[in-house]
């Protein structure tokens, strides 16, 4: 993200580049949860969760999509909508989700 911002002449600081990189990464993997659910993610599920494996895959995919979007939406949009800055909360909850999943 940092290299792309430099090439496009819209410089980002390191924190912004990391936020964009993580946000785009979570958007990519979130979409992949829905596209490749049966072939890639359901076989990874432990036996204890096998009964509801597809639901867990879709839930984590939706969480990654929402978290990735929250990382990418500018703070000014949150302020205009009367919402708090959700970027920090998104980062925290994505980290919690990764700890639970990995």
C-alpha atoms as a PDB file:
ATOM      1  CA  UNK A   1       0.000   0.000   0.000  1.00  0.00           C
ATOM      2  CA  UNK A   2       2.882   2.352   0.760  1.00  0.00           C
ATOM      3  CA  UNK A   3       4.501   1.755  -2.642  1.00  0.00           C
ATOM      4  CA  UNK A   4       1.167   2.205  -4.436  1.00  0.00           C
ATOM      5  CA  UNK A   5       0.522   5.461  -2.584  1.00  0.00           C
ATOM      6  CA  UNK A   6       3.935   6.766  -3.634  1.00  0.00           C
ATOM      7  CA  UNK A   7       3.388   5.766  -7.262  1.00  0.00           C
ATOM      8  CA  UNK A   8      -0.024   7.447  -7.289  1.00  0.00           C
ATOM      9  CA  UNK A   9       1.460  10.525  -5.599  1.00  0.00           C
ATOM     10  CA  UNK A  10      -0.963  10.317  -2.714  1.00  0.00           C
ATOM     11  CA  UNK A  11       1.527   9.667   0.069  1.00  0.00           C
ATOM     12  CA  UNK A  12       0.498   7.717   3.153  1.00  0.00           C
ATOM     13  CA  UNK A  13       2.352   7.532   6.406  1.00  0.00           C
ATOM     14  CA  UNK A  14       3.390   4.108   7.638  1.00  0.00           C
ATOM     15  CA  UNK A  15       0.265   3.726   9.783  1.00  0.00           C
ATOM     16  CA  UNK A  16      -2.028   4.610   6.880  1.00  0.00           C
ATOM     17  CA  UNK A  17      -0.201   2.241   4.550  1.00  0.00           C
ATOM     18  CA  UNK A  18      -0.517  -0.575   7.092  1.00  0.00           C
ATOM     19  CA  UNK A  19      -4.226   0.172   7.545  1.00  0.00           C
ATOM     20  CA  UNK A  20      -4.819   0.064   3.789  1.00  0.00           C
ATOM     21  CA  UNK A  21      -2.766  -3.091   3.382  1.00  0.00           C
ATOM     22  CA  UNK A  22      -4.649  -4.894   6.149  1.00  0.00           C
ATOM     23  CA  UNK A  23      -8.008  -3.556   5.000  1.00  0.00           C
ATOM     24  CA  UNK A  24      -7.494  -4.725   1.424  1.00  0.00           C
ATOM     25  CA  UNK A  25      -6.149  -8.054   2.647  1.00  0.00           C
ATOM     26  CA  UNK A  26      -9.211  -8.642   4.813  1.00  0.00           C
ATOM     27  CA  UNK A  27     -11.517  -7.658   1.953  1.00  0.00           C
ATOM     28  CA  UNK A  28      -9.766 -10.157  -0.303  1.00  0.00           C
ATOM     29  CA  UNK A  29      -9.933 -13.015   2.195  1.00  0.00           C
ATOM     30  CA  UNK A  30     -13.496 -12.120   3.187  1.00  0.00           C
ATOM     31  CA  UNK A  31     -14.662 -12.447  -0.412  1.00  0.00           C
ATOM     32  CA  UNK A  32     -12.662 -15.663  -0.730  1.00  0.00           C
ATOM     33  CA  UNK A  33     -14.590 -17.124   2.239  1.00  0.00           C
ATOM     34  CA  UNK A  34     -17.760 -16.905   0.163  1.00  0.00           C
ATOM     35  CA  UNK A  35     -16.212 -17.953  -3.157  1.00  0.00           C
ATOM     36  CA  UNK A  36     -14.161 -20.912  -1.907  1.00  0.00           C
ATOM     37  CA  UNK A  37     -16.069 -21.927   1.206  1.00  0.00           C
ATOM     38  CA  UNK A  38     -16.621 -25.590   0.346  1.00  0.00           C
ATOM     39  CA  UNK A  39     -13.266 -26.265  -1.274  1.00  0.00           C
ATOM     40  CA  UNK A  40     -10.854 -24.325   0.936  1.00  0.00           C
ATOM     41  CA  UNK A  41     -12.313 -23.374   4.311  1.00  0.00           C
ATOM     42  CA  UNK A  42     -14.796 -26.082   5.313  1.00  0.00           C
ATOM     43  CA  UNK A  43     -12.142 -28.843   5.116  1.00  0.00           C
ATOM     44  CA  UNK A  44      -9.974 -26.841   7.553  1.00  0.00           C
ATOM     45  CA  UNK A  45     -12.608 -26.840  10.280  1.00  0.00           C
ATOM     46  CA  UNK A  46     -11.959 -29.032  13.318  1.00  0.00           C
ATOM     47  CA  UNK A  47     -14.250 -31.998  13.910  1.00  0.00           C
ATOM     48  CA  UNK A  48     -15.889 -30.301  16.904  1.00  0.00           C
ATOM     49  CA  UNK A  49     -17.232 -27.550  14.611  1.00  0.00           C
ATOM     50  CA  UNK A  50     -17.903 -29.728  11.550  1.00  0.00           C
ATOM     51  CA  UNK A  51     -21.668 -29.755  12.038  1.00  0.00           C
ATOM     52  CA  UNK A  52     -21.899 -25.993  11.452  1.00  0.00           C
ATOM     53  CA  UNK A  53     -18.698 -25.541   9.450  1.00  0.00           C
ATOM     54  CA  UNK A  54     -20.237 -23.608   6.558  1.00  0.00           C
ATOM     55  CA  UNK A  55     -21.972 -21.193   8.930  1.00  0.00           C
ATOM     56  CA  UNK A  56     -18.663 -20.517  10.713  1.00  0.00           C
ATOM     57  CA  UNK A  57     -16.923 -19.923   7.392  1.00  0.00           C
ATOM     58  CA  UNK A  58     -19.593 -17.436   6.318  1.00  0.00           C
ATOM     59  CA  UNK A  59     -19.552 -15.721   9.725  1.00  0.00           C
ATOM     60  CA  UNK A  60     -15.787 -15.224   9.663  1.00  0.00           C
ATOM     61  CA  UNK A  61     -15.952 -14.102   6.025  1.00  0.00           C
ATOM     62  CA  UNK A  62     -18.575 -11.484   6.879  1.00  0.00           C
ATOM     63  CA  UNK A  63     -16.495 -10.338   9.864  1.00  0.00           C
ATOM     64  CA  UNK A  64     -13.452  -9.947   7.630  1.00  0.00           C
ATOM     65  CA  UNK A  65     -15.439  -7.967   5.055  1.00  0.00           C
ATOM     66  CA  UNK A  66     -16.926  -5.631   7.658  1.00  0.00           C
ATOM     67  CA  UNK A  67     -13.617  -5.221   9.454  1.00  0.00           C
ATOM     68  CA  UNK A  68     -11.765  -4.551   6.230  1.00  0.00           C
ATOM     69  CA  UNK A  69     -14.323  -1.932   5.214  1.00  0.00           C
ATOM     70  CA  UNK A  70     -14.134  -0.272   8.620  1.00  0.00           C
ATOM     71  CA  UNK A  71     -10.351  -0.015   8.267  1.00  0.00           C
ATOM     72  CA  UNK A  72     -10.663   1.658   4.861  1.00  0.00           C
ATOM     73  CA  UNK A  73     -13.480   4.138   5.508  1.00  0.00           C
ATOM     74  CA  UNK A  74     -12.038   7.578   6.284  1.00  0.00           C
ATOM     75  CA  UNK A  75     -12.624   8.968   9.773  1.00  0.00           C
ATOM     76  CA  UNK A  76     -14.468  11.943   8.264  1.00  0.00           C
ATOM     77  CA  UNK A  77     -17.204   9.599   6.982  1.00  0.00           C
ATOM     78  CA  UNK A  78     -17.710   8.180  10.465  1.00  0.00           C
ATOM     79  CA  UNK A  79     -17.933  11.716  11.884  1.00  0.00           C
ATOM     80  CA  UNK A  80     -20.453  12.778   9.224  1.00  0.00           C
ATOM     81  CA  UNK A  81     -22.632   9.796  10.084  1.00  0.00           C
ATOM     82  CA  UNK A  82     -22.423  10.598  13.781  1.00  0.00           C
ATOM     83  CA  UNK A  83     -20.478   7.407  14.501  1.00  0.00           C
ATOM     84  CA  UNK A  84     -17.316   7.051  16.536  1.00  0.00           C
ATOM     85  CA  UNK A  85     -14.066   6.232  14.774  1.00  0.00           C
ATOM     86  CA  UNK A  86     -14.561   2.532  14.058  1.00  0.00           C
ATOM     87  CA  UNK A  87     -11.080   1.931  12.666  1.00  0.00           C
ATOM     88  CA  UNK A  88      -9.580   1.227  16.084  1.00  0.00           C
ATOM     89  CA  UNK A  89     -12.432  -1.073  17.130  1.00  0.00           C
ATOM     90  CA  UNK A  90     -12.227  -2.888  13.780  1.00  0.00           C
ATOM     91  CA  UNK A  91      -8.519  -3.484  14.276  1.00  0.00           C
ATOM     92  CA  UNK A  92      -9.041  -4.811  17.788  1.00  0.00           C
ATOM     93  CA  UNK A  93     -11.900  -7.134  16.822  1.00  0.00           C
ATOM     94  CA  UNK A  94     -10.078  -8.398  13.740  1.00  0.00           C
ATOM     95  CA  UNK A  95      -7.110  -9.238  15.972  1.00  0.00           C
ATOM     96  CA  UNK A  96      -9.422 -11.066  18.400  1.00  0.00           C
ATOM     97  CA  UNK A  97     -10.991 -12.966  15.506  1.00  0.00           C
ATOM     98  CA  UNK A  98      -7.567 -13.977  14.187  1.00  0.00           C
ATOM     99  CA  UNK A  99      -6.538 -15.251  17.612  1.00  0.00           C
ATOM    100  CA  UNK A 100      -9.716 -17.342  17.784  1.00  0.00           C
ATOM    101  CA  UNK A 101      -9.421 -18.666  14.233  1.00  0.00           C
ATOM    102  CA  UNK A 102      -5.701 -19.362  14.123  1.00  0.00           C
END
